[in-house]
Amino acid sequence: MNEIAWERRCVLAALPGAQAQSADLVAVVAANSKAPPKLSAEELSAIFMGTAKSFPNGERAVPIDQKAGTPQYAGFYQKAAGKTEAQMKAYWSRIMFTGKGQPPQEGGDGAAVKKLVAANPNMVGYIEASLVDASVRVIADIK
């Protein structure tokens, strides 16, 4: 690696959120959830956009968001729904104004979302892949 590439890598690593932005995200449910083994990108998006209230197998689905304003939140919606954070804010403002729904509950950071999801078999959330353990089951890779 040449000196310029090394310096650039060091600067990027030092930027706040730089590592979080590149973290791989996965959608998870509780290890004992009756949700299907895998969800398509469209199925996952429908749950988080409020157009689907259940998993494809009929089990109730309760989406849990990470904190708005974080790289994980922005990255999830960009990849899962093709929308920026500003577009999501506008979307939910419109949906709530017309009385057609509420945004997902905010669960905090990835560790907090994992804890919530692990305790409730109907919840689905997204976390960094590095946080996955035996308490949750991956149902989709966020790409």
C-alpha atoms as a PDB file:
ATOM      1  CA  MET A   1       0.000   0.000   0.000  1.00  0.00           C
ATOM      2  CA  ASN A   2       1.473   3.360  -0.956  1.00  0.00           C
ATOM      3  CA  GLU A   3       1.781   6.262   1.475  1.00  0.00           C
ATOM      4  CA  ILE A   4      -1.192   8.228   0.089  1.00  0.00           C
ATOM      5  CA  ALA A   5      -3.497   5.226   0.270  1.00  0.00           C
ATOM      6  CA  TRP A   6      -2.365   4.557   3.840  1.00  0.00           C
ATOM      7  CA  GLU A   7      -3.003   8.180   4.881  1.00  0.00           C
ATOM      8  CA  ARG A   8      -6.462   8.132   3.274  1.00  0.00           C
ATOM      9  CA  ARG A   9      -7.318   4.909   5.084  1.00  0.00           C
ATOM     10  CA  CYS A  10      -6.198   6.387   8.420  1.00  0.00           C
ATOM     11  CA  VAL A  11      -8.241   9.560   7.858  1.00  0.00           C
ATOM     12  CA  LEU A  12     -11.364   7.572   6.932  1.00  0.00           C
ATOM     13  CA  ALA A  13     -10.989   5.326   9.961  1.00  0.00           C
ATOM     14  CA  ALA A  14     -10.784   8.397  12.206  1.00  0.00           C
ATOM     15  CA  LEU A  15     -13.984   9.992  10.877  1.00  0.00           C
ATOM     16  CA  PRO A  16     -17.020   9.624  13.168  1.00  0.00           C
ATOM     17  CA  GLY A  17     -19.339   6.956  11.819  1.00  0.00           C
ATOM     18  CA  ALA A  18     -16.959   5.875   9.049  1.00  0.00           C
ATOM     19  CA  GLN A  19     -16.796   2.329  10.312  1.00  0.00           C
ATOM     20  CA  ALA A  20     -20.510   2.176  11.107  1.00  0.00           C
ATOM     21  CA  GLN A  21     -21.384   3.248   7.554  1.00  0.00           C
ATOM     22  CA  SER A  22     -19.458   0.343   6.114  1.00  0.00           C
ATOM     23  CA  ALA A  23     -20.833  -2.166   8.632  1.00  0.00           C
ATOM     24  CA  ASP A  24     -22.942  -4.907   7.139  1.00  0.00           C
ATOM     25  CA  LEU A  25     -26.533  -4.815   8.354  1.00  0.00           C
ATOM     26  CA  VAL A  26     -28.834  -7.795   8.753  1.00  0.00           C
ATOM     27  CA  ALA A  27     -32.526  -8.105   9.607  1.00  0.00           C
ATOM     28  CA  VAL A  28     -33.104 -10.269  12.664  1.00  0.00           C
ATOM     29  CA  VAL A  29     -35.905 -11.870  14.647  1.00  0.00           C
ATOM     30  CA  ALA A  30     -35.837 -13.705  17.963  1.00  0.00           C
ATOM     31  CA  ALA A  31     -34.228 -17.135  17.838  1.00  0.00           C
ATOM     32  CA  ASN A  32     -37.619 -18.675  18.733  1.00  0.00           C
ATOM     33  CA  SER A  33     -39.654 -16.561  16.272  1.00  0.00           C
ATOM     34  CA  LYS A  34     -42.142 -18.252  13.955  1.00  0.00           C
ATOM     35  CA  ALA A  35     -41.170 -15.842  11.163  1.00  0.00           C
ATOM     36  CA  PRO A  36     -40.094 -17.483   7.893  1.00  0.00           C
ATOM     37  CA  PRO A  37     -36.421 -18.476   7.597  1.00  0.00           C
ATOM     38  CA  LYS A  38     -35.750 -15.714   5.030  1.00  0.00           C
ATOM     39  CA  LEU A  39     -37.478 -12.551   3.813  1.00  0.00           C
ATOM     40  CA  SER A  40     -37.056 -10.947   0.417  1.00  0.00           C
ATOM     41  CA  ALA A  41     -36.015  -7.302   0.197  1.00  0.00           C
ATOM     42  CA  GLU A  42     -39.577  -6.430  -0.864  1.00  0.00           C
ATOM     43  CA  GLU A  43     -41.156  -8.269   2.093  1.00  0.00           C
ATOM     44  CA  LEU A  44     -38.777  -6.613   4.551  1.00  0.00           C
ATOM     45  CA  SER A  45     -39.365  -3.173   3.029  1.00  0.00           C
ATOM     46  CA  ALA A  46     -43.153  -3.621   3.233  1.00  0.00           C
ATOM     47  CA  ILE A  47     -42.935  -4.400   6.959  1.00  0.00           C
ATOM     48  CA  PHE A  48     -40.760  -1.370   7.723  1.00  0.00           C
ATOM     49  CA  MET A  49     -42.792   0.944   5.454  1.00  0.00           C
ATOM     50  CA  GLY A  50     -46.009  -0.091   7.211  1.00  0.00           C
ATOM     51  CA  THR A  51     -47.692  -1.665   4.185  1.00  0.00           C
ATOM     52  CA  ALA A  52     -47.461  -5.168   5.670  1.00  0.00           C
ATOM     53  CA  LYS A  53     -48.444  -5.905   9.265  1.00  0.00           C
ATOM     54  CA  SER A  54     -47.381  -9.541   9.227  1.00  0.00           C
ATOM     55  CA  PHE A  55     -44.709 -11.862   7.927  1.00  0.00           C
ATOM     56  CA  PRO A  56     -45.551 -13.781   4.711  1.00  0.00           C
ATOM     57  CA  ASN A  57     -46.604 -16.786   6.822  1.00  0.00           C
ATOM     58  CA  GLY A  58     -49.255 -14.717   8.662  1.00  0.00           C
ATOM     59  CA  GLU A  59     -47.371 -14.195  11.939  1.00  0.00           C
ATOM     60  CA  ARG A  60     -47.638 -10.614  13.230  1.00  0.00           C
ATOM     61  CA  ALA A  61     -44.572  -8.463  12.469  1.00  0.00           C
ATOM     62  CA  VAL A  62     -43.534  -5.540  14.685  1.00  0.00           C
ATOM     63  CA  PRO A  63     -40.668  -3.551  13.107  1.00  0.00           C
ATOM     64  CA  ILE A  64     -38.085  -1.871  15.353  1.00  0.00           C
ATOM     65  CA  ASP A  65     -35.867   0.915  14.018  1.00  0.00           C
ATOM     66  CA  GLN A  66     -32.441   1.991  15.123  1.00  0.00           C
ATOM     67  CA  LYS A  67     -32.158   5.620  16.169  1.00  0.00           C
ATOM     68  CA  ALA A  68     -32.914   8.094  13.380  1.00  0.00           C
ATOM     69  CA  GLY A  69     -29.912  10.157  12.375  1.00  0.00           C
ATOM     70  CA  THR A  70     -27.475   7.261  12.642  1.00  0.00           C
ATOM     71  CA  PRO A  71     -25.542   5.713   9.748  1.00  0.00           C
ATOM     72  CA  GLN A  72     -27.348   2.410  10.420  1.00  0.00           C
ATOM     73  CA  TYR A  73     -30.806   3.995  10.080  1.00  0.00           C
ATOM     74  CA  ALA A  74     -29.836   5.870   6.915  1.00  0.00           C
ATOM     75  CA  GLY A  75     -28.088   2.831   5.436  1.00  0.00           C
ATOM     76  CA  PHE A  76     -30.991   0.512   6.155  1.00  0.00           C
ATOM     77  CA  TYR A  77     -33.614   2.681   4.468  1.00  0.00           C
ATOM     78  CA  GLN A  78     -31.349   3.517   1.543  1.00  0.00           C
ATOM     79  CA  LYS A  79     -30.752  -0.180   0.886  1.00  0.00           C
ATOM     80  CA  ALA A  80     -34.119  -1.658   1.907  1.00  0.00           C
ATOM     81  CA  ALA A  81     -36.477   1.016   0.565  1.00  0.00           C
ATOM     82  CA  GLY A  82     -34.332   3.132  -1.741  1.00  0.00           C
ATOM     83  CA  LYS A  83     -35.092   6.235   0.329  1.00  0.00           C
ATOM     84  CA  THR A  84     -32.950   8.819   2.070  1.00  0.00           C
ATOM     85  CA  GLU A  85     -33.502   9.722   5.700  1.00  0.00           C
ATOM     86  CA  ALA A  86     -35.220  12.982   4.612  1.00  0.00           C
ATOM     87  CA  GLN A  87     -37.521  11.025   2.294  1.00  0.00           C
ATOM     88  CA  MET A  88     -38.410   8.668   5.151  1.00  0.00           C
ATOM     89  CA  LYS A  89     -39.253  11.607   7.424  1.00  0.00           C
ATOM     90  CA  ALA A  90     -41.525  13.048   4.732  1.00  0.00           C
ATOM     91  CA  TYR A  91     -43.090   9.625   4.091  1.00  0.00           C
ATOM     92  CA  TRP A  92     -43.987   9.082   7.743  1.00  0.00           C
ATOM     93  CA  SER A  93     -45.226  12.654   8.148  1.00  0.00           C
ATOM     94  CA  ARG A  94     -47.660  12.069   5.277  1.00  0.00           C
ATOM     95  CA  ILE A  95     -48.753   8.620   6.524  1.00  0.00           C
ATOM     96  CA  MET A  96     -49.325   9.871  10.082  1.00  0.00           C
ATOM     97  CA  PHE A  97     -51.159  13.022   8.884  1.00  0.00           C
ATOM     98  CA  THR A  98     -53.611  10.910   6.885  1.00  0.00           C
ATOM     99  CA  GLY A  99     -54.072   8.501   9.809  1.00  0.00           C
ATOM    100  CA  LYS A 100     -52.817   5.533   7.797  1.00  0.00           C
ATOM    101  CA  GLY A 101     -50.079   4.383  10.134  1.00  0.00           C
ATOM    102  CA  GLN A 102     -47.214   5.011  12.503  1.00  0.00           C
ATOM    103  CA  PRO A 103     -43.468   4.631  11.950  1.00  0.00           C
ATOM    104  CA  PRO A 104     -41.656   1.712  13.576  1.00  0.00           C
ATOM    105  CA  GLN A 105     -40.799   2.101  17.242  1.00  0.00           C
ATOM    106  CA  GLU A 106     -37.267   3.399  17.778  1.00  0.00           C
ATOM    107  CA  GLY A 107     -35.177   0.892  19.704  1.00  0.00           C
ATOM    108  CA  GLY A 108     -31.862   2.717  20.073  1.00  0.00           C
ATOM    109  CA  ASP A 109     -28.556   1.357  18.839  1.00  0.00           C
ATOM    110  CA  GLY A 110     -27.884  -2.109  17.421  1.00  0.00           C
ATOM    111  CA  ALA A 111     -27.309  -3.721  20.828  1.00  0.00           C
ATOM    112  CA  ALA A 112     -30.571  -2.290  22.194  1.00  0.00           C
ATOM    113  CA  VAL A 113     -32.521  -3.393  19.106  1.00  0.00           C
ATOM    114  CA  LYS A 114     -31.045  -6.898  19.398  1.00  0.00           C
ATOM    115  CA  LYS A 115     -32.118  -7.087  23.051  1.00  0.00           C
ATOM    116  CA  LEU A 116     -35.691  -5.972  22.217  1.00  0.00           C
ATOM    117  CA  VAL A 117     -35.999  -8.351  19.273  1.00  0.00           C
ATOM    118  CA  ALA A 118     -34.564 -11.314  21.214  1.00  0.00           C
ATOM    119  CA  ALA A 119     -37.234 -10.827  23.904  1.00  0.00           C
ATOM    120  CA  ASN A 120     -40.219 -10.674  21.522  1.00  0.00           C
ATOM    121  CA  PRO A 121     -40.838 -13.281  18.790  1.00  0.00           C
ATOM    122  CA  ASN A 122     -43.014 -10.851  16.771  1.00  0.00           C
ATOM    123  CA  MET A 123     -40.393  -8.118  16.492  1.00  0.00           C
ATOM    124  CA  VAL A 124     -38.050  -7.656  13.553  1.00  0.00           C
ATOM    125  CA  GLY A 125     -35.134  -5.260  13.555  1.00  0.00           C
ATOM    126  CA  TYR A 126     -31.874  -4.535  11.804  1.00  0.00           C
ATOM    127  CA  ILE A 127     -28.477  -4.670  13.447  1.00  0.00           C
ATOM    128  CA  GLU A 128     -24.836  -4.822  12.511  1.00  0.00           C
ATOM    129  CA  ALA A 129     -23.908  -8.349  11.424  1.00  0.00           C
ATOM    130  CA  SER A 130     -21.132  -8.394  14.033  1.00  0.00           C
ATOM    131  CA  LEU A 131     -23.777  -8.248  16.815  1.00  0.00           C
ATOM    132  CA  VAL A 132     -25.549 -11.476  15.785  1.00  0.00           C
ATOM    133  CA  ASP A 133     -25.479 -14.181  18.445  1.00  0.00           C
ATOM    134  CA  ALA A 134     -27.638 -17.149  19.493  1.00  0.00           C
ATOM    135  CA  SER A 135     -30.429 -14.875  20.821  1.00  0.00           C
ATOM    136  CA  VAL A 136     -31.450 -13.776  17.310  1.00  0.00           C
ATOM    137  CA  ARG A 137     -31.868 -15.292  13.859  1.00  0.00           C
ATOM    138  CA  VAL A 138     -30.916 -13.569  10.598  1.00  0.00           C
ATOM    139  CA  ILE A 139     -33.806 -13.437   8.127  1.00  0.00           C
ATOM    140  CA  ALA A 140     -32.289 -11.062   5.541  1.00  0.00           C
ATOM    141  CA  ASP A 141     -28.989  -9.515   4.554  1.00  0.00           C
ATOM    142  CA  ILE A 142     -29.351  -5.783   3.881  1.00  0.00           C
ATOM    143  CA  LYS A 143     -27.549  -5.122   0.583  1.00  0.00           C
END
